[in-house]
């Protein structure tokens, strides 16, 4: 049943939690459908919380990082605090894990990278989220991930409501140890929580068990960080060290930023691949309990496509947002440019049946002819082991693309021969494409295409032949960055 809340015509309930409820509503002032979050009435009765909520919501509303859920408006109507946010059709990571099981490492890292970007942007503005958890990470149909509840979580005091049912159950599993003291906290509490989320994405389980607040608090304060590979043996062991550092008891021992945590996780994917490490694809995800993994993703330079039966509407954008590529096979977002790589020769599989011997010839054998030429014979190639397949030529060019509004929007490539960086804007809509390359020795180069005409722009670089480089694609509108892809894996320079 529809009902009126100020200028909003409430159409139905999306979700309900201990802090309030999220409603689907029509904003009559701006002629749009939004996600309306109404906070519990007891929170508005707390003068300190109400003032802090408005102050933090105002600061969060000013953030322009694409992975921060946009806040249209906030305030108080009839004694109820509310947030007016964009609406997306999708689901939260907690629901996706419950429906589909653990993610592959590559998928988990792709979500982690997007949320790390949101946190780093907030931290630069002096905002600490304080409630990073799977249910506060939304994933749209395009795979674009959003961090929600800025302006709410940041307003809660570190020691407030630890015994209230909704806040305790939804949050204690991810809270840093220093949150339970009276001392000040900084952005590293979010780094701790993000490491907890990474662990749950990889294993499907929360970092610490326990059904009571006392048990969870004791675990965060006294128990060592959990080890992902003890729960799931098919993930790289580097993730054990990443989770342990991210969840270190002492904030000084953690990653210095959410971005550093995400970069370490991305590096873990490329550091354990089979030789040759920079070219081989990651192994596909194993089956669980005899059944195929149920995480399904779209390889279109966009991102995660959650294969869930029921679709829940959540707060985010009214249009399809750009996203980051989440590969279906875990090999990273790069694709090989076949124009620069020779096709590999084929060989007969060793297991193929042998052809029957040829019948005896009835023609008399001819006597050998003596070679009278004085030219030196060509050297013979060494015999090849029929059991060994021929080597594949090394890849020399790598490309990836960026998608916007459900379609490919631009591409970028790096070619090792000659150190060429390419950028191509594929749609004339006023926006433009930038390819950014960064070497492992700290050099950053850019290549821009702003005219949407002709072929790609070729930017010739002069890089050290001993280094490696990775790159990403950015979509810009005038001087505002709309979106970007994840960094590619590191590839060799100057072949």
Protein backbone atom coordinates (compact mmCIF):
# COMPACT_ATOMS: atom_id res chain seq x y z
CA UNK A 1 0.00 0.00 0.00
CA UNK A 2 1.35 3.41 -0.96
CA UNK A 3 1.67 6.17 1.61
CA UNK A 4 3.06 9.70 1.76
CA UNK A 5 6.20 10.80 3.59
CA UNK A 6 6.70 14.50 2.99
CA UNK A 7 7.30 14.94 -0.76
CA UNK A 8 7.91 11.19 -1.19
CA UNK A 9 5.24 8.71 -2.27
CA UNK A 10 6.40 5.44 -0.70
CA UNK A 11 5.79 2.50 -3.05
CA UNK A 12 7.13 -0.41 -1.00
CA UNK A 13 9.73 -1.87 1.34
CA UNK A 14 13.16 -2.86 0.03
CA UNK A 15 14.88 -3.94 3.25
CA UNK A 16 14.64 -3.55 7.00
CA UNK A 17 17.40 -3.58 9.63
CA UNK A 18 18.19 -2.55 13.16
CA UNK A 19 18.89 1.06 12.15
CA UNK A 20 15.78 1.54 10.07
CA UNK A 21 14.34 0.57 6.72
CA UNK A 22 14.96 1.24 3.03
CA UNK A 23 11.94 2.10 0.93
CA UNK A 24 11.28 2.48 -2.75
CA UNK A 25 9.75 5.91 -3.18
CA UNK A 26 8.76 8.40 -5.84
CA UNK A 27 10.17 11.91 -5.33
CA UNK A 28 7.34 14.20 -6.45
CA UNK A 29 9.57 17.28 -6.43
CA UNK A 30 12.13 15.94 -8.88
CA UNK A 31 10.03 13.34 -10.77
CA UNK A 32 12.26 10.37 -10.05
CA UNK A 33 12.22 7.06 -8.18
CA UNK A 34 14.69 6.90 -5.30
CA UNK A 35 15.79 4.73 -2.42
CA UNK A 36 14.58 6.35 0.80
CA UNK A 37 16.21 5.28 4.05
CA UNK A 38 14.22 6.08 7.18
CA UNK A 39 16.23 5.78 10.38
CA UNK A 40 14.73 4.27 13.52
CA UNK A 41 12.80 6.79 15.60
CA UNK A 42 14.96 6.34 18.69
CA UNK A 43 17.99 7.65 16.77
CA UNK A 44 16.30 10.96 16.04
CA UNK A 45 15.64 11.32 19.76
CA UNK A 46 19.39 11.46 20.40
CA UNK A 47 20.37 15.11 19.90
CA UNK A 48 24.07 14.33 19.53
CA UNK A 49 23.41 11.67 16.92
CA UNK A 50 20.99 13.89 14.99
CA UNK A 51 23.51 16.73 14.74
CA UNK A 52 26.35 14.42 13.80
CA UNK A 53 24.19 12.61 11.24
CA UNK A 54 23.34 15.83 9.41
CA UNK A 55 26.94 16.98 9.45
CA UNK A 56 28.32 13.67 8.16
CA UNK A 57 25.54 13.25 5.58
CA UNK A 58 26.37 16.70 4.22
CA UNK A 59 30.05 15.78 3.92
CA UNK A 60 29.26 12.39 2.34
CA UNK A 61 26.90 14.04 -0.14
CA UNK A 62 29.79 16.14 -1.43
CA UNK A 63 31.89 13.07 -2.34
CA UNK A 64 32.14 12.59 -6.09
CA UNK A 65 33.86 9.19 -6.12
CA UNK A 66 31.79 6.95 -8.42
CA UNK A 67 31.78 4.02 -5.97
CA UNK A 68 30.27 6.07 -3.14
CA UNK A 69 26.48 5.85 -3.23
CA UNK A 70 25.18 9.30 -4.25
CA UNK A 71 23.04 11.08 -1.65
CA UNK A 72 20.39 13.37 -3.16
CA UNK A 73 19.03 14.82 0.08
CA UNK A 74 18.84 14.26 3.83
CA UNK A 75 17.05 15.75 6.78
CA UNK A 76 14.18 15.21 9.19
CA UNK A 77 10.44 14.92 8.45
CA UNK A 78 7.85 14.38 11.20
CA UNK A 79 10.56 13.38 13.67
CA UNK A 80 12.17 10.80 11.33
CA UNK A 81 15.69 11.21 9.96
CA UNK A 82 15.97 10.19 6.32
CA UNK A 83 18.38 9.82 3.42
CA UNK A 84 17.31 10.19 -0.21
CA UNK A 85 19.66 8.12 -2.40
CA UNK A 86 19.89 6.89 -5.94
CA UNK A 87 18.25 3.59 -6.78
CA UNK A 88 19.81 0.57 -8.42
CA UNK A 89 18.51 -2.84 -9.36
CA UNK A 90 20.94 -5.31 -7.82
CA UNK A 91 21.90 -6.90 -4.56
CA UNK A 92 24.38 -6.58 -1.73
CA UNK A 93 27.49 -8.73 -1.40
CA UNK A 94 26.17 -10.46 1.71
CA UNK A 95 23.08 -11.67 -0.16
CA UNK A 96 25.15 -12.70 -3.16
CA UNK A 97 27.49 -14.78 -1.00
CA UNK A 98 24.53 -16.44 0.69
CA UNK A 99 22.97 -17.29 -2.67
CA UNK A 100 26.05 -18.22 -4.69
CA UNK A 101 28.77 -19.22 -2.23
CA UNK A 102 32.34 -17.87 -2.06
CA UNK A 103 33.77 -15.83 -4.91
CA UNK A 104 36.80 -16.77 -6.95
CA UNK A 105 39.89 -14.79 -5.90
CA UNK A 106 39.76 -12.66 -9.05
CA UNK A 107 36.12 -11.74 -8.46
CA UNK A 108 36.73 -10.93 -4.80
CA UNK A 109 39.66 -8.66 -5.70
CA UNK A 110 37.62 -6.84 -8.36
CA UNK A 111 34.93 -5.93 -5.80
CA UNK A 112 37.61 -5.10 -3.21
CA UNK A 113 39.33 -2.65 -5.57
CA UNK A 114 36.14 -0.70 -6.22
CA UNK A 115 35.28 -0.34 -2.53
CA UNK A 116 38.88 0.61 -1.73
CA UNK A 117 38.57 3.50 -4.17
CA UNK A 118 35.46 4.71 -2.33
CA UNK A 119 37.16 4.47 1.06
CA UNK A 120 40.34 6.23 -0.03
CA UNK A 121 38.29 9.11 -1.44
CA UNK A 122 36.34 9.42 1.81
CA UNK A 123 39.47 9.20 3.93
CA UNK A 124 41.06 12.02 1.95
CA UNK A 125 38.08 14.17 2.98
CA UNK A 126 38.46 13.18 6.64
CA UNK A 127 35.47 10.77 6.63
CA UNK A 128 35.72 7.36 8.29
CA UNK A 129 32.94 4.94 7.39
CA UNK A 130 33.16 2.68 10.49
CA UNK A 131 30.69 0.10 9.17
CA UNK A 132 32.26 -1.57 6.13
CA UNK A 133 30.58 -4.95 5.72
CA UNK A 134 29.12 -7.10 2.91
CA UNK A 135 25.58 -5.81 3.39
CA UNK A 136 26.83 -2.24 2.86
CA UNK A 137 28.40 -3.12 -0.51
CA UNK A 138 25.90 -3.08 -3.37
CA UNK A 139 26.50 -4.57 -6.81
CA UNK A 140 24.40 -3.45 -9.75
CA UNK A 141 23.56 -5.52 -12.81
CA UNK A 142 26.51 -4.02 -14.69
CA UNK A 143 28.90 -5.16 -11.95
CA UNK A 144 29.50 -1.67 -10.58
CA UNK A 145 30.00 -1.82 -6.81
CA UNK A 146 28.95 0.88 -4.35
CA UNK A 147 29.67 1.52 -0.69
CA UNK A 148 26.56 2.73 1.15
CA UNK A 149 25.59 4.19 4.51
CA UNK A 150 28.04 7.08 4.58
CA UNK A 151 26.43 9.67 6.81
CA UNK A 152 24.91 6.98 9.02
CA UNK A 153 27.73 4.70 10.09
CA UNK A 154 30.10 7.62 10.50
CA UNK A 155 27.64 9.28 12.85
CA UNK A 156 27.53 6.40 15.31
CA UNK A 157 29.84 6.76 18.27
CA UNK A 158 32.43 4.01 18.67
CA UNK A 159 30.81 2.73 21.88
CA UNK A 160 27.19 3.49 21.04
CA UNK A 161 24.53 0.81 20.85
CA UNK A 162 26.88 -2.15 21.18
CA UNK A 163 24.11 -4.05 22.89
CA UNK A 164 21.33 -3.11 20.49
CA UNK A 165 20.26 -6.09 18.39
CA UNK A 166 20.42 -4.59 14.92
CA UNK A 167 23.71 -2.75 15.29
CA UNK A 168 25.47 -5.60 17.10
CA UNK A 169 24.50 -8.43 14.78
CA UNK A 170 25.25 -6.47 11.62
CA UNK A 171 28.52 -4.87 12.67
CA UNK A 172 30.52 -6.57 15.41
CA UNK A 173 31.82 -9.24 13.05
CA UNK A 174 33.84 -6.58 11.19
CA UNK A 175 34.89 -4.10 13.90
CA UNK A 176 38.55 -3.28 14.53
CA UNK A 177 39.89 -3.92 18.08
CA UNK A 178 40.45 -0.22 18.82
CA UNK A 179 36.74 0.41 18.30
CA UNK A 180 36.12 -1.20 21.71
CA UNK A 181 38.31 1.33 23.53
CA UNK A 182 37.57 4.94 24.40
CA UNK A 183 40.52 6.26 22.40
CA UNK A 184 40.32 7.96 19.00
CA UNK A 185 40.06 5.95 15.80
CA UNK A 186 41.22 6.77 12.27
CA UNK A 187 40.80 5.46 8.73
CA UNK A 188 42.60 2.23 9.57
CA UNK A 189 39.46 0.85 11.22
CA UNK A 190 38.02 0.77 7.69
CA UNK A 191 41.11 -1.07 6.43
CA UNK A 192 40.53 -3.72 9.11
CA UNK A 193 36.88 -4.09 8.16
CA UNK A 194 37.74 -4.32 4.46
CA UNK A 195 40.16 -7.17 5.22
CA UNK A 196 37.30 -8.91 7.05
CA UNK A 197 35.13 -8.48 3.96
CA UNK A 198 37.90 -9.93 1.75
CA UNK A 199 38.10 -12.99 3.99
CA UNK A 200 34.34 -13.52 3.76
CA UNK A 201 34.30 -13.07 -0.02
CA UNK A 202 36.98 -15.75 -0.35
CA UNK A 203 35.57 -18.26 2.14
CA UNK A 204 31.87 -17.46 2.46
CA UNK A 205 32.24 -17.22 6.25
CA UNK A 206 32.66 -14.34 8.68
CA UNK A 207 36.16 -13.95 10.14
CA UNK A 208 35.23 -15.06 13.64
CA UNK A 209 32.47 -17.31 14.89
CA UNK A 210 30.37 -16.47 17.90
CA UNK A 211 26.74 -15.77 18.62
CA UNK A 212 27.20 -13.19 21.37
CA UNK A 213 28.67 -9.72 21.48
CA UNK A 214 31.14 -10.80 24.18
CA UNK A 215 32.46 -13.67 22.04
CA UNK A 216 32.99 -11.48 18.99
CA UNK A 217 34.64 -8.68 20.95
CA UNK A 218 37.00 -11.17 22.59
CA UNK A 219 37.89 -12.64 19.19
CA UNK A 220 38.77 -9.27 17.69
CA UNK A 221 40.85 -8.34 20.73
CA UNK A 222 42.65 -11.61 21.40
CA UNK A 223 42.39 -14.21 18.64
CA UNK A 224 44.81 -14.22 15.68
CA UNK A 225 43.40 -13.29 12.28
CA UNK A 226 41.76 -16.19 10.43
CA UNK A 227 43.64 -18.03 7.66
CA UNK A 228 41.65 -18.31 4.40
CA UNK A 229 43.49 -21.36 3.06
CA UNK A 230 42.50 -23.44 6.09
CA UNK A 231 38.89 -23.07 4.94
CA UNK A 232 39.45 -23.19 1.20
CA UNK A 233 42.53 -24.81 -0.26
CA UNK A 234 42.22 -23.65 -3.86
CA UNK A 235 43.15 -20.00 -3.29
CA UNK A 236 46.67 -18.52 -3.33
CA UNK A 237 48.45 -18.60 0.02
CA UNK A 238 49.40 -14.95 -0.40
CA UNK A 239 45.88 -14.11 0.74
CA UNK A 240 46.71 -15.56 4.18
CA UNK A 241 49.37 -12.85 4.64
CA UNK A 242 47.13 -10.12 3.21
CA UNK A 243 44.25 -10.90 5.57
CA UNK A 244 46.65 -11.21 8.51
CA UNK A 245 48.17 -7.80 7.84
CA UNK A 246 44.84 -6.14 7.12
CA UNK A 247 43.42 -7.49 10.40
CA UNK A 248 46.49 -6.78 12.54
CA UNK A 249 45.59 -5.86 16.13
CA UNK A 250 47.91 -2.85 16.06
CA UNK A 251 46.71 -0.26 13.49
CA UNK A 252 50.35 0.61 12.73
CA UNK A 253 50.91 -2.93 11.44
CA UNK A 254 48.08 -2.77 8.89
CA UNK A 255 48.12 -1.53 5.32
CA UNK A 256 48.32 2.24 5.36
CA UNK A 257 45.29 2.62 3.10
CA UNK A 258 42.44 0.63 1.60
CA UNK A 259 44.08 1.06 -1.78
CA UNK A 260 47.30 -0.55 -0.53
CA UNK A 261 45.27 -3.54 0.66
CA UNK A 262 43.56 -3.83 -2.73
CA UNK A 263 46.85 -3.55 -4.63
CA UNK A 264 48.40 -6.28 -2.53
CA UNK A 265 45.40 -8.50 -3.26
CA UNK A 266 45.68 -7.81 -6.98
CA UNK A 267 49.39 -8.66 -6.87
CA UNK A 268 48.58 -11.94 -5.13
CA UNK A 269 46.63 -13.01 -8.19
CA UNK A 270 49.59 -12.51 -10.55
CA UNK A 271 52.37 -13.74 -8.29
CA UNK A 272 51.24 -17.37 -8.13
CA UNK A 273 50.24 -18.11 -11.71
CA UNK A 274 51.92 -20.93 -13.60
CA UNK A 275 55.08 -20.22 -15.60
CA UNK A 276 55.31 -18.12 -17.68
CA UNK A 277 53.76 -16.06 -14.89
CA UNK A 278 52.99 -12.92 -16.85
CA UNK A 279 51.08 -14.65 -19.61
CA UNK A 280 49.40 -17.75 -18.29
CA UNK A 281 45.72 -17.57 -17.28
CA UNK A 282 44.67 -18.20 -13.71
CA UNK A 283 43.23 -21.66 -12.99
CA UNK A 284 39.46 -21.86 -13.19
CA UNK A 285 37.52 -22.09 -9.96
CA UNK A 286 37.09 -25.61 -8.64
CA UNK A 287 33.73 -27.21 -8.09
CA UNK A 288 32.27 -27.10 -4.62
CA UNK A 289 30.65 -30.24 -3.28
CA UNK A 290 30.57 -31.73 -6.75
CA UNK A 291 28.59 -28.82 -8.18
CA UNK A 292 29.87 -26.06 -10.45
CA UNK A 293 30.58 -22.68 -8.88
CA UNK A 294 27.49 -20.50 -9.17
CA UNK A 295 29.16 -17.09 -9.47
CA UNK A 296 28.48 -15.97 -13.06
CA UNK A 297 30.04 -12.85 -14.53
CA UNK A 298 29.86 -10.92 -17.77
CA UNK A 299 33.11 -10.44 -19.71
CA UNK A 300 32.38 -7.14 -21.43
CA UNK A 301 34.74 -4.80 -19.60
CA UNK A 302 31.84 -4.09 -17.25
CA UNK A 303 31.97 -6.31 -14.21
CA UNK A 304 29.99 -8.69 -12.07
CA UNK A 305 26.64 -10.02 -13.19
CA UNK A 306 25.04 -11.58 -10.15
CA UNK A 307 23.04 -14.71 -11.07
CA UNK A 308 20.41 -14.63 -8.37
CA UNK A 309 16.77 -15.48 -8.75
CA UNK A 310 15.30 -12.59 -6.77
CA UNK A 311 16.52 -9.10 -7.59
CA UNK A 312 16.43 -6.56 -4.82
CA UNK A 313 16.39 -2.81 -5.47
CA UNK A 314 19.05 -0.84 -3.65
CA UNK A 315 20.28 2.71 -3.37
CA UNK A 316 22.39 3.82 -6.32
CA UNK A 317 22.18 5.29 -9.81
CA UNK A 318 19.10 5.47 -12.04
CA UNK A 319 21.15 4.60 -15.13
CA UNK A 320 23.61 1.81 -15.84
CA UNK A 321 26.95 2.81 -14.41
CA UNK A 322 30.37 1.89 -15.81
CA UNK A 323 32.26 -0.81 -14.06
CA UNK A 324 35.41 -2.81 -13.90
CA UNK A 325 36.02 -6.07 -15.71
CA UNK A 326 35.63 -9.18 -13.53
CA UNK A 327 36.91 -12.07 -15.62
CA UNK A 328 34.96 -15.29 -15.71
CA UNK A 329 38.11 -17.41 -15.70
CA UNK A 330 40.16 -15.41 -13.22
CA UNK A 331 42.82 -14.49 -15.77
CA UNK A 332 42.56 -10.72 -15.35
CA UNK A 333 40.91 -8.09 -17.53
CA UNK A 334 43.58 -8.07 -20.22
CA UNK A 335 42.86 -9.48 -23.63
CA UNK A 336 45.46 -10.49 -26.19
CA UNK A 337 45.68 -8.39 -29.34
CA UNK A 338 45.87 -11.10 -32.00
CA UNK A 339 47.19 -8.71 -34.62
CA UNK A 340 50.55 -8.56 -32.91
CA UNK A 341 51.04 -12.21 -32.04
CA UNK A 342 51.83 -14.96 -34.54
CA UNK A 343 49.44 -17.91 -34.41
CA UNK A 344 50.87 -20.83 -32.52
CA UNK A 345 51.56 -23.96 -34.58
CA UNK A 346 49.43 -26.94 -33.79
CA UNK A 347 50.63 -30.40 -32.92
CA UNK A 348 49.03 -33.81 -33.00
CA UNK A 349 47.98 -34.87 -29.47
CA UNK A 350 50.12 -37.68 -28.16
CA UNK A 351 47.02 -39.68 -27.29
CA UNK A 352 45.66 -39.73 -30.88
CA UNK A 353 45.59 -43.18 -32.53
CA UNK A 354 48.43 -43.90 -34.95
CA UNK A 355 47.67 -44.16 -38.67
CA UNK A 356 47.95 -47.71 -40.12
CA UNK A 357 51.22 -48.44 -41.90
CA UNK A 358 51.31 -47.88 -45.64
CA UNK A 359 51.07 -51.03 -47.81
CA UNK A 360 54.29 -52.33 -49.41
CA UNK A 361 55.16 -50.61 -52.68
CA UNK A 362 55.26 -52.69 -55.85
CA UNK A 363 57.50 -50.16 -57.62
CA UNK A 364 61.22 -51.03 -57.58
CA UNK A 365 63.29 -48.80 -55.44
CA UNK A 366 65.28 -46.19 -57.36
CA UNK A 367 69.02 -45.94 -56.79
CA UNK A 368 70.13 -42.89 -54.85
CA UNK A 369 71.16 -39.86 -56.88
CA UNK A 370 74.58 -38.38 -56.10
CA UNK A 371 74.46 -34.67 -55.19
CA UNK A 372 76.90 -32.79 -57.44
CA UNK A 373 76.33 -29.27 -56.09
CA UNK A 374 79.22 -27.75 -54.13
CA UNK A 375 76.78 -25.71 -51.99
CA UNK A 376 76.95 -26.57 -48.34
CA UNK A 377 73.85 -28.41 -47.14
CA UNK A 378 71.48 -26.51 -44.87
CA UNK A 379 71.78 -27.43 -41.21
CA UNK A 380 69.18 -29.85 -40.03
CA UNK A 381 66.76 -28.79 -37.32
CA UNK A 382 67.04 -30.86 -34.17
CA UNK A 383 64.35 -33.48 -33.93
CA UNK A 384 61.34 -32.42 -31.89
CA UNK A 385 59.92 -34.57 -29.20
CA UNK A 386 56.45 -35.56 -30.46
CA UNK A 387 55.24 -35.58 -26.87
CA UNK A 388 56.18 -31.90 -26.34
CA UNK A 389 53.84 -29.28 -27.83
CA UNK A 390 55.56 -26.42 -29.66
CA UNK A 391 56.19 -23.24 -27.68
CA UNK A 392 53.73 -20.39 -28.09
CA UNK A 393 55.25 -17.07 -29.15
CA UNK A 394 55.46 -14.53 -26.33
CA UNK A 395 52.63 -12.04 -26.20
CA UNK A 396 53.70 -8.48 -26.96
CA UNK A 397 50.49 -6.45 -26.88
CA UNK A 398 47.78 -6.24 -24.25
CA UNK A 399 44.43 -4.43 -24.38
CA UNK A 400 41.40 -3.82 -22.21
CA UNK A 401 38.22 -1.81 -22.60
CA UNK A 402 35.85 0.30 -20.52
CA UNK A 403 32.06 0.13 -20.69
CA UNK A 404 29.42 2.75 -20.02
CA UNK A 405 25.62 2.43 -20.18
CA UNK A 406 25.94 -1.22 -21.11
CA UNK A 407 28.16 -0.74 -24.17
CA UNK A 408 31.89 -0.60 -24.84
CA UNK A 409 32.97 3.03 -24.55
CA UNK A 410 36.68 2.96 -25.31
CA UNK A 411 39.82 0.86 -25.39
CA UNK A 412 43.45 1.13 -24.36
CA UNK A 413 46.49 -1.00 -25.13
CA UNK A 414 50.18 -1.34 -24.31
CA UNK A 415 52.61 -2.78 -26.88
CA UNK A 416 55.97 -3.90 -25.54
CA UNK A 417 57.76 -3.67 -28.89
CA UNK A 418 58.66 0.01 -29.07
CA UNK A 419 56.83 0.84 -25.83
CA UNK A 420 53.60 2.13 -27.39
CA UNK A 421 50.59 3.20 -25.33
CA UNK A 422 47.24 3.47 -27.16
CA UNK A 423 43.94 5.17 -26.36
CA UNK A 424 40.78 5.06 -28.47
CA UNK A 425 37.50 6.89 -27.86
CA UNK A 426 34.82 4.85 -29.63
CA UNK A 427 31.76 7.06 -29.17
CA UNK A 428 31.19 10.73 -29.97
CA UNK A 429 29.21 11.88 -26.94
CA UNK A 430 31.41 14.63 -25.53
CA UNK A 431 33.37 12.37 -23.19
CA UNK A 432 36.92 11.17 -23.79
CA UNK A 433 39.29 8.31 -23.04
CA UNK A 434 42.62 8.27 -21.23
CA UNK A 435 45.00 5.31 -20.90
CA UNK A 436 47.29 5.56 -17.87
CA UNK A 437 50.43 3.41 -17.56
CA UNK A 438 52.57 3.00 -14.45
CA UNK A 439 55.88 1.17 -14.28
CA UNK A 440 57.15 -0.86 -11.35
CA UNK A 441 59.84 1.78 -10.86
CA UNK A 442 57.32 4.60 -10.37
CA UNK A 443 57.07 6.28 -13.77
CA UNK A 444 53.55 7.30 -14.91
CA UNK A 445 52.60 8.00 -18.54
CA UNK A 446 49.28 8.97 -20.16
CA UNK A 447 47.74 8.72 -23.62
CA UNK A 448 44.50 10.61 -24.45
CA UNK A 449 41.92 10.41 -27.23
CA UNK A 450 39.33 13.16 -27.14
CA UNK A 451 38.03 13.36 -30.70
CA UNK A 452 36.16 10.02 -31.14
CA UNK A 453 37.33 9.91 -34.76
CA UNK A 454 39.59 7.54 -36.65
CA UNK A 455 41.80 4.90 -35.10
CA UNK A 456 43.51 4.83 -31.72
CA UNK A 457 45.94 7.52 -30.59
CA UNK A 458 49.48 6.09 -30.47
CA UNK A 459 51.74 7.51 -27.76
CA UNK A 460 55.34 6.34 -28.06
CA UNK A 461 57.11 5.96 -24.70
CA UNK A 462 60.78 5.54 -23.81
CA UNK A 463 60.81 3.07 -20.94
CA UNK A 464 63.48 1.01 -19.25
CA UNK A 465 63.74 -2.44 -20.82
CA UNK A 466 64.35 -4.03 -17.44
CA UNK A 467 61.04 -3.00 -15.89
CA UNK A 468 57.39 -3.94 -16.04
CA UNK A 469 54.27 -1.85 -16.53
CA UNK A 470 50.55 -2.04 -15.86
CA UNK A 471 47.81 0.19 -17.20
CA UNK A 472 44.16 1.15 -16.85
CA UNK A 473 41.51 2.97 -18.90
CA UNK A 474 39.70 6.09 -17.68
CA UNK A 475 36.50 7.71 -18.98
CA UNK A 476 36.34 11.50 -18.58
CA UNK A 477 33.66 14.13 -19.09
CA UNK A 478 35.44 17.47 -19.49
CA UNK A 479 37.57 17.67 -16.31
CA UNK A 480 35.61 15.09 -14.32
CA UNK A 481 36.58 11.42 -14.26
CA UNK A 482 33.43 9.33 -14.72
CA UNK A 483 34.91 5.88 -14.20
CA UNK A 484 37.97 3.72 -14.70
CA UNK A 485 38.91 0.08 -15.00
CA UNK A 486 41.05 -1.88 -12.60
CA UNK A 487 44.80 -1.83 -13.16
CA UNK A 488 45.91 -4.59 -15.48
CA UNK A 489 48.44 -7.16 -14.39
CA UNK A 490 52.10 -6.16 -14.78
CA UNK A 491 53.53 -7.00 -18.21
CA UNK A 492 57.14 -6.80 -19.50
CA UNK A 493 58.59 -3.67 -21.09
CA UNK A 494 60.74 -3.45 -24.22
CA UNK A 495 60.67 -6.91 -25.74
